[in-house]
């Protein structure tokens, strides 16, 4: 019973992964559109895009950490 609950909890913790993937896609899609509109700001916009990527990727890493934490801590 506990093993099933751990699996469900770890699965629920990974719900953030598709959202993070969509968020990363949005960040770089916005970068491409912004550079197409104003190429002279490409360097500055790229810095902002990398910051947005890092913050969005952190959400996926936190979800991964929570999934592993749920699977490893609750043992009998």
C-alpha atoms as a PDB file:
ATOM      1  CA  UNK A   1       0.000   0.000   0.000  1.00  0.00           C
ATOM      2  CA  UNK A   2       2.787   2.404   0.921  1.00  0.00           C
ATOM      3  CA  UNK A   3       4.643   1.591  -2.299  1.00  0.00           C
ATOM      4  CA  UNK A   4       1.581   2.530  -4.351  1.00  0.00           C
ATOM      5  CA  UNK A   5       1.152   5.785  -2.440  1.00  0.00           C
ATOM      6  CA  UNK A   6       4.817   6.628  -3.030  1.00  0.00           C
ATOM      7  CA  UNK A   7       4.424   6.013  -6.753  1.00  0.00           C
ATOM      8  CA  UNK A   8       1.308   8.188  -6.927  1.00  0.00           C
ATOM      9  CA  UNK A   9       3.036  10.945  -4.959  1.00  0.00           C
ATOM     10  CA  UNK A  10       6.117  10.849  -7.161  1.00  0.00           C
ATOM     11  CA  UNK A  11       3.922  10.944 -10.256  1.00  0.00           C
ATOM     12  CA  UNK A  12       2.019  13.912  -8.897  1.00  0.00           C
ATOM     13  CA  UNK A  13       5.311  15.687  -8.170  1.00  0.00           C
ATOM     14  CA  UNK A  14       6.301  15.422 -11.823  1.00  0.00           C
ATOM     15  CA  UNK A  15       3.257  17.394 -13.020  1.00  0.00           C
ATOM     16  CA  UNK A  16       5.504  20.476 -13.311  1.00  0.00           C
ATOM     17  CA  UNK A  17       7.655  18.972 -16.080  1.00  0.00           C
ATOM     18  CA  UNK A  18       5.302  19.645 -19.013  1.00  0.00           C
ATOM     19  CA  UNK A  19       4.694  23.148 -17.708  1.00  0.00           C
ATOM     20  CA  UNK A  20       8.428  23.796 -17.536  1.00  0.00           C
ATOM     21  CA  UNK A  21       8.879  22.507 -21.078  1.00  0.00           C
ATOM     22  CA  UNK A  22       6.128  24.798 -22.334  1.00  0.00           C
ATOM     23  CA  UNK A  23       7.635  27.702 -20.403  1.00  0.00           C
ATOM     24  CA  UNK A  24      11.075  27.149 -21.935  1.00  0.00           C
ATOM     25  CA  UNK A  25       9.496  27.018 -25.367  1.00  0.00           C
ATOM     26  CA  UNK A  26       7.727  30.305 -24.692  1.00  0.00           C
ATOM     27  CA  UNK A  27      10.946  31.954 -23.500  1.00  0.00           C
ATOM     28  CA  UNK A  28      12.864  31.106 -26.656  1.00  0.00           C
ATOM     29  CA  UNK A  29       9.886  31.769 -28.908  1.00  0.00           C
ATOM     30  CA  UNK A  30       9.670  35.257 -27.439  1.00  0.00           C
ATOM     31  CA  UNK A  31      13.412  35.677 -27.943  1.00  0.00           C
ATOM     32  CA  UNK A  32      13.124  34.818 -31.638  1.00  0.00           C
ATOM     33  CA  UNK A  33      10.200  37.197 -32.119  1.00  0.00           C
ATOM     34  CA  UNK A  34      11.947  39.999 -30.234  1.00  0.00           C
ATOM     35  CA  UNK A  35      15.202  39.662 -32.168  1.00  0.00           C
ATOM     36  CA  UNK A  36      13.262  39.601 -35.424  1.00  0.00           C
ATOM     37  CA  UNK A  37      11.604  42.873 -34.461  1.00  0.00           C
ATOM     38  CA  UNK A  38      14.753  44.599 -33.159  1.00  0.00           C
ATOM     39  CA  UNK A  39      18.041  42.887 -34.083  1.00  0.00           C
ATOM     40  CA  UNK A  40      20.162  45.561 -32.422  1.00  0.00           C
ATOM     41  CA  UNK A  41      19.051  44.355 -28.975  1.00  0.00           C
ATOM     42  CA  UNK A  42      19.957  40.718 -29.612  1.00  0.00           C
ATOM     43  CA  UNK A  43      22.736  40.516 -26.985  1.00  0.00           C
ATOM     44  CA  UNK A  44      20.634  42.080 -24.224  1.00  0.00           C
ATOM     45  CA  UNK A  45      17.598  39.976 -25.087  1.00  0.00           C
ATOM     46  CA  UNK A  46      19.692  36.802 -25.119  1.00  0.00           C
ATOM     47  CA  UNK A  47      20.800  37.527 -21.551  1.00  0.00           C
ATOM     48  CA  UNK A  48      17.187  37.909 -20.472  1.00  0.00           C
ATOM     49  CA  UNK A  49      16.253  34.706 -22.303  1.00  0.00           C
ATOM     50  CA  UNK A  50      18.969  32.730 -20.514  1.00  0.00           C
ATOM     51  CA  UNK A  51      17.757  34.096 -17.174  1.00  0.00           C
ATOM     52  CA  UNK A  52      14.187  33.094 -18.046  1.00  0.00           C
ATOM     53  CA  UNK A  53      15.387  29.659 -19.136  1.00  0.00           C
ATOM     54  CA  UNK A  54      17.289  29.139 -15.881  1.00  0.00           C
ATOM     55  CA  UNK A  55      14.353  30.150 -13.697  1.00  0.00           C
ATOM     56  CA  UNK A  56      11.942  27.984 -15.671  1.00  0.00           C
ATOM     57  CA  UNK A  57      14.306  25.009 -15.620  1.00  0.00           C
ATOM     58  CA  UNK A  58      14.661  25.404 -11.844  1.00  0.00           C
ATOM     59  CA  UNK A  59      10.969  24.574 -11.490  1.00  0.00           C
ATOM     60  CA  UNK A  60      11.503  21.268 -13.307  1.00  0.00           C
ATOM     61  CA  UNK A  61      14.543  20.482 -11.173  1.00  0.00           C
ATOM     62  CA  UNK A  62      12.591  21.188  -7.987  1.00  0.00           C
ATOM     63  CA  UNK A  63       9.871  18.819  -9.208  1.00  0.00           C
ATOM     64  CA  UNK A  64      12.481  16.137  -9.907  1.00  0.00           C
ATOM     65  CA  UNK A  65      13.968  16.661  -6.457  1.00  0.00           C
ATOM     66  CA  UNK A  66      10.556  16.307  -4.832  1.00  0.00           C
ATOM     67  CA  UNK A  67       9.831  13.097  -6.755  1.00  0.00           C
ATOM     68  CA  UNK A  68      13.113  11.539  -5.613  1.00  0.00           C
ATOM     69  CA  UNK A  69      12.519  12.798  -2.081  1.00  0.00           C
ATOM     70  CA  UNK A  70       9.090  11.177  -1.961  1.00  0.00           C
ATOM     71  CA  UNK A  71      10.462   7.905  -3.292  1.00  0.00           C
ATOM     72  CA  UNK A  72      13.455   7.740  -0.973  1.00  0.00           C
ATOM     73  CA  UNK A  73      12.352   9.221   2.357  1.00  0.00           C
ATOM     74  CA  UNK A  74       9.123   7.344   2.981  1.00  0.00           C
ATOM     75  CA  UNK A  75      10.418   3.850   3.626  1.00  0.00           C
ATOM     76  CA  UNK A  76       9.331   1.260   6.130  1.00  0.00           C
END
